[in-house]
């Protein structure tokens, strides 16, 4: 039978407040990570990763470790004049994985690339240990081609 948990509620399955606290913390970490992107603060972005983190930007190959991840991130962030990642939805699993539905926007010379993205963030000890982003490469390619042609 259930007893009384640490938050004073009777329960059979444990304290929901511990789960809620972790969920809030992990989701806030991801929100803060996105805010660093929006500031184009590469050092700030990198500070969210565990040393052995893995970043898999689908459909490309995964990269592991701080420096390889930094190289990929700089490839996206450096050429952009501004970045605006819009968080549309966020959810968190019972295991603490944060799922995001986003619109990632990058300004290239006044022309915005807008890419719908689904992201999965695994965290440990307050750091991102794995990050996977899923998006349509054809959508990305069409917009980049249009931006390049308009700039030529």
C-alpha atoms as a PDB file:
ATOM      1  CA  UNK A   1       0.000   0.000   0.000  1.00  0.00           C
ATOM      2  CA  UNK A   2       1.016   3.582  -0.401  1.00  0.00           C
ATOM      3  CA  UNK A   3       2.469   5.728   2.317  1.00  0.00           C
ATOM      4  CA  UNK A   4       3.266   9.394   2.633  1.00  0.00           C
ATOM      5  CA  UNK A   5       6.056  10.680   0.423  1.00  0.00           C
ATOM      6  CA  UNK A   6       8.480  13.541   1.079  1.00  0.00           C
ATOM      7  CA  UNK A   7       6.079  16.176  -0.181  1.00  0.00           C
ATOM      8  CA  UNK A   8       3.355  14.983   2.204  1.00  0.00           C
ATOM      9  CA  UNK A   9       1.163  13.328  -0.424  1.00  0.00           C
ATOM     10  CA  UNK A  10      -0.137   9.800  -0.085  1.00  0.00           C
ATOM     11  CA  UNK A  11       1.048   7.704  -3.005  1.00  0.00           C
ATOM     12  CA  UNK A  12       1.626   4.178  -4.234  1.00  0.00           C
ATOM     13  CA  UNK A  13       4.238   5.006  -6.872  1.00  0.00           C
ATOM     14  CA  UNK A  14       6.586   7.495  -5.265  1.00  0.00           C
ATOM     15  CA  UNK A  15       6.965  11.216  -5.054  1.00  0.00           C
ATOM     16  CA  UNK A  16       5.789  13.040  -8.155  1.00  0.00           C
ATOM     17  CA  UNK A  17       7.513  16.225  -6.967  1.00  0.00           C
ATOM     18  CA  UNK A  18      10.975  14.704  -7.584  1.00  0.00           C
ATOM     19  CA  UNK A  19      10.030  13.956 -11.183  1.00  0.00           C
ATOM     20  CA  UNK A  20       8.546  17.426 -11.633  1.00  0.00           C
ATOM     21  CA  UNK A  21      11.715  19.046 -10.253  1.00  0.00           C
ATOM     22  CA  UNK A  22      13.947  17.094 -12.665  1.00  0.00           C
ATOM     23  CA  UNK A  23      11.596  17.791 -15.562  1.00  0.00           C
ATOM     24  CA  UNK A  24      11.654  21.468 -14.819  1.00  0.00           C
ATOM     25  CA  UNK A  25      15.442  21.475 -14.502  1.00  0.00           C
ATOM     26  CA  UNK A  26      16.122  19.530 -17.728  1.00  0.00           C
ATOM     27  CA  UNK A  27      13.601  21.551 -19.709  1.00  0.00           C
ATOM     28  CA  UNK A  28      15.077  24.796 -18.373  1.00  0.00           C
ATOM     29  CA  UNK A  29      18.584  23.651 -19.316  1.00  0.00           C
ATOM     30  CA  UNK A  30      17.395  23.082 -22.898  1.00  0.00           C
ATOM     31  CA  UNK A  31      15.626  26.473 -22.931  1.00  0.00           C
ATOM     32  CA  UNK A  32      18.832  28.142 -21.699  1.00  0.00           C
ATOM     33  CA  UNK A  33      20.804  26.247 -24.366  1.00  0.00           C
ATOM     34  CA  UNK A  34      18.458  27.645 -27.020  1.00  0.00           C
ATOM     35  CA  UNK A  35      18.836  31.154 -25.585  1.00  0.00           C
ATOM     36  CA  UNK A  36      22.623  30.852 -26.006  1.00  0.00           C
ATOM     37  CA  UNK A  37      22.052  29.907 -29.668  1.00  0.00           C
ATOM     38  CA  UNK A  38      19.823  32.953 -30.101  1.00  0.00           C
ATOM     39  CA  UNK A  39      22.639  35.147 -28.742  1.00  0.00           C
ATOM     40  CA  UNK A  40      25.132  33.420 -31.088  1.00  0.00           C
ATOM     41  CA  UNK A  41      27.159  32.694 -27.953  1.00  0.00           C
ATOM     42  CA  UNK A  42      29.183  29.700 -29.157  1.00  0.00           C
ATOM     43  CA  UNK A  43      31.175  29.422 -25.915  1.00  0.00           C
ATOM     44  CA  UNK A  44      27.897  29.562 -24.014  1.00  0.00           C
ATOM     45  CA  UNK A  45      26.385  26.865 -26.250  1.00  0.00           C
ATOM     46  CA  UNK A  46      29.419  24.647 -25.757  1.00  0.00           C
ATOM     47  CA  UNK A  47      29.214  25.028 -21.986  1.00  0.00           C
ATOM     48  CA  UNK A  48      26.009  22.981 -21.993  1.00  0.00           C
ATOM     49  CA  UNK A  49      27.735  19.823 -23.288  1.00  0.00           C
ATOM     50  CA  UNK A  50      29.298  16.995 -21.311  1.00  0.00           C
ATOM     51  CA  UNK A  51      32.894  16.334 -22.448  1.00  0.00           C
ATOM     52  CA  UNK A  52      31.927  13.060 -24.150  1.00  0.00           C
ATOM     53  CA  UNK A  53      28.645  14.312 -25.643  1.00  0.00           C
ATOM     54  CA  UNK A  54      27.342  13.113 -28.985  1.00  0.00           C
ATOM     55  CA  UNK A  55      25.591  15.392 -31.476  1.00  0.00           C
ATOM     56  CA  UNK A  56      23.721  13.794 -34.357  1.00  0.00           C
ATOM     57  CA  UNK A  57      22.276  16.256 -36.830  1.00  0.00           C
ATOM     58  CA  UNK A  58      20.177  13.947 -38.997  1.00  0.00           C
ATOM     59  CA  UNK A  59      20.739  12.861 -41.674  1.00  0.00           C
ATOM     60  CA  UNK A  60      24.470  13.513 -41.263  1.00  0.00           C
ATOM     61  CA  UNK A  61      26.915  11.451 -39.275  1.00  0.00           C
ATOM     62  CA  UNK A  62      27.094  11.808 -35.494  1.00  0.00           C
ATOM     63  CA  UNK A  63      30.018  13.678 -33.961  1.00  0.00           C
ATOM     64  CA  UNK A  64      31.401  13.045 -30.482  1.00  0.00           C
ATOM     65  CA  UNK A  65      33.360  15.283 -28.143  1.00  0.00           C
ATOM     66  CA  UNK A  66      33.522  19.006 -27.546  1.00  0.00           C
ATOM     67  CA  UNK A  67      35.771  20.096 -30.422  1.00  0.00           C
ATOM     68  CA  UNK A  68      34.004  18.117 -33.190  1.00  0.00           C
ATOM     69  CA  UNK A  69      30.633  19.364 -31.903  1.00  0.00           C
ATOM     70  CA  UNK A  70      31.977  22.935 -31.820  1.00  0.00           C
ATOM     71  CA  UNK A  71      33.084  22.634 -35.460  1.00  0.00           C
ATOM     72  CA  UNK A  72      29.597  21.591 -36.585  1.00  0.00           C
ATOM     73  CA  UNK A  73      27.901  24.296 -34.523  1.00  0.00           C
ATOM     74  CA  UNK A  74      30.265  26.982 -35.815  1.00  0.00           C
ATOM     75  CA  UNK A  75      29.455  25.842 -39.350  1.00  0.00           C
ATOM     76  CA  UNK A  76      25.822  26.778 -38.766  1.00  0.00           C
ATOM     77  CA  UNK A  77      26.171  29.745 -36.441  1.00  0.00           C
ATOM     78  CA  UNK A  78      29.166  31.683 -37.784  1.00  0.00           C
ATOM     79  CA  UNK A  79      27.801  32.522 -41.260  1.00  0.00           C
ATOM     80  CA  UNK A  80      24.439  33.640 -39.848  1.00  0.00           C
ATOM     81  CA  UNK A  81      23.926  37.316 -39.045  1.00  0.00           C
ATOM     82  CA  UNK A  82      21.308  36.378 -36.470  1.00  0.00           C
ATOM     83  CA  UNK A  83      19.709  33.241 -35.051  1.00  0.00           C
ATOM     84  CA  UNK A  84      16.197  32.875 -33.696  1.00  0.00           C
ATOM     85  CA  UNK A  85      15.179  29.445 -32.487  1.00  0.00           C
ATOM     86  CA  UNK A  86      11.487  29.397 -31.670  1.00  0.00           C
ATOM     87  CA  UNK A  87      10.368  26.707 -29.234  1.00  0.00           C
ATOM     88  CA  UNK A  88       6.905  25.601 -30.248  1.00  0.00           C
ATOM     89  CA  UNK A  89       6.483  22.601 -27.925  1.00  0.00           C
ATOM     90  CA  UNK A  90       8.555  20.875 -25.270  1.00  0.00           C
ATOM     91  CA  UNK A  91       7.986  17.544 -23.557  1.00  0.00           C
ATOM     92  CA  UNK A  92       9.998  15.426 -21.199  1.00  0.00           C
ATOM     93  CA  UNK A  93      10.007  11.688 -20.710  1.00  0.00           C
ATOM     94  CA  UNK A  94       9.931   9.982 -17.335  1.00  0.00           C
ATOM     95  CA  UNK A  95      13.655   9.321 -17.858  1.00  0.00           C
ATOM     96  CA  UNK A  96      14.426  13.022 -18.237  1.00  0.00           C
ATOM     97  CA  UNK A  97      14.874  13.153 -22.024  1.00  0.00           C
ATOM     98  CA  UNK A  98      13.705  16.517 -23.392  1.00  0.00           C
ATOM     99  CA  UNK A  99      11.883  16.592 -26.733  1.00  0.00           C
ATOM    100  CA  UNK A 100      11.509  19.858 -28.621  1.00  0.00           C
ATOM    101  CA  UNK A 101       9.506  20.978 -31.611  1.00  0.00           C
ATOM    102  CA  UNK A 102      11.224  24.098 -32.945  1.00  0.00           C
ATOM    103  CA  UNK A 103      11.431  26.492 -35.816  1.00  0.00           C
ATOM    104  CA  UNK A 104      15.161  27.200 -36.218  1.00  0.00           C
ATOM    105  CA  UNK A 105      15.638  30.498 -38.047  1.00  0.00           C
ATOM    106  CA  UNK A 106      18.938  31.790 -39.421  1.00  0.00           C
ATOM    107  CA  UNK A 107      19.374  35.248 -40.983  1.00  0.00           C
ATOM    108  CA  UNK A 108      21.788  35.325 -43.918  1.00  0.00           C
ATOM    109  CA  UNK A 109      22.096  38.899 -45.140  1.00  0.00           C
ATOM    110  CA  UNK A 110      18.480  39.758 -44.388  1.00  0.00           C
ATOM    111  CA  UNK A 111      17.147  36.523 -45.870  1.00  0.00           C
ATOM    112  CA  UNK A 112      15.799  34.092 -43.282  1.00  0.00           C
ATOM    113  CA  UNK A 113      16.132  30.344 -43.493  1.00  0.00           C
ATOM    114  CA  UNK A 114      13.321  28.761 -41.441  1.00  0.00           C
ATOM    115  CA  UNK A 115      13.674  25.087 -40.650  1.00  0.00           C
ATOM    116  CA  UNK A 116      11.131  22.994 -38.732  1.00  0.00           C
ATOM    117  CA  UNK A 117      13.097  20.725 -36.369  1.00  0.00           C
ATOM    118  CA  UNK A 118      12.369  18.009 -33.825  1.00  0.00           C
ATOM    119  CA  UNK A 119      15.118  17.684 -31.239  1.00  0.00           C
ATOM    120  CA  UNK A 120      15.948  15.077 -28.612  1.00  0.00           C
ATOM    121  CA  UNK A 121      18.183  16.011 -25.685  1.00  0.00           C
ATOM    122  CA  UNK A 122      19.593  13.510 -23.197  1.00  0.00           C
ATOM    123  CA  UNK A 123      21.060  15.074 -20.066  1.00  0.00           C
ATOM    124  CA  UNK A 124      23.213  13.872 -17.214  1.00  0.00           C
ATOM    125  CA  UNK A 125      24.456  15.888 -14.254  1.00  0.00           C
ATOM    126  CA  UNK A 126      23.012  19.048 -15.796  1.00  0.00           C
ATOM    127  CA  UNK A 127      24.866  18.640 -19.120  1.00  0.00           C
ATOM    128  CA  UNK A 128      23.763  17.526 -22.577  1.00  0.00           C
ATOM    129  CA  UNK A 129      25.147  14.035 -23.175  1.00  0.00           C
ATOM    130  CA  UNK A 130      23.365  13.390 -26.477  1.00  0.00           C
ATOM    131  CA  UNK A 131      21.532  15.677 -28.878  1.00  0.00           C
ATOM    132  CA  UNK A 132      19.726  14.540 -32.008  1.00  0.00           C
ATOM    133  CA  UNK A 133      17.976  16.894 -34.419  1.00  0.00           C
ATOM    134  CA  UNK A 134      15.595  15.670 -37.112  1.00  0.00           C
ATOM    135  CA  UNK A 135      14.698  17.863 -40.079  1.00  0.00           C
ATOM    136  CA  UNK A 136      14.048  17.659 -43.800  1.00  0.00           C
ATOM    137  CA  UNK A 137      17.304  18.162 -45.667  1.00  0.00           C
ATOM    138  CA  UNK A 138      15.421  19.022 -48.881  1.00  0.00           C
ATOM    139  CA  UNK A 139      13.716  21.946 -47.110  1.00  0.00           C
ATOM    140  CA  UNK A 140      17.101  23.145 -45.850  1.00  0.00           C
ATOM    141  CA  UNK A 141      18.683  22.742 -49.294  1.00  0.00           C
ATOM    142  CA  UNK A 142      15.915  24.606 -51.154  1.00  0.00           C
ATOM    143  CA  UNK A 143      16.105  27.549 -48.781  1.00  0.00           C
ATOM    144  CA  UNK A 144      19.915  27.721 -48.838  1.00  0.00           C
ATOM    145  CA  UNK A 145      19.876  27.637 -52.648  1.00  0.00           C
ATOM    146  CA  UNK A 146      17.340  30.488 -52.753  1.00  0.00           C
ATOM    147  CA  UNK A 147      19.403  32.526 -50.269  1.00  0.00           C
ATOM    148  CA  UNK A 148      22.610  31.995 -52.270  1.00  0.00           C
ATOM    149  CA  UNK A 149      20.903  32.893 -55.567  1.00  0.00           C
ATOM    150  CA  UNK A 150      19.396  36.042 -54.074  1.00  0.00           C
ATOM    151  CA  UNK A 151      22.826  37.082 -52.762  1.00  0.00           C
ATOM    152  CA  UNK A 152      24.605  36.518 -56.071  1.00  0.00           C
END
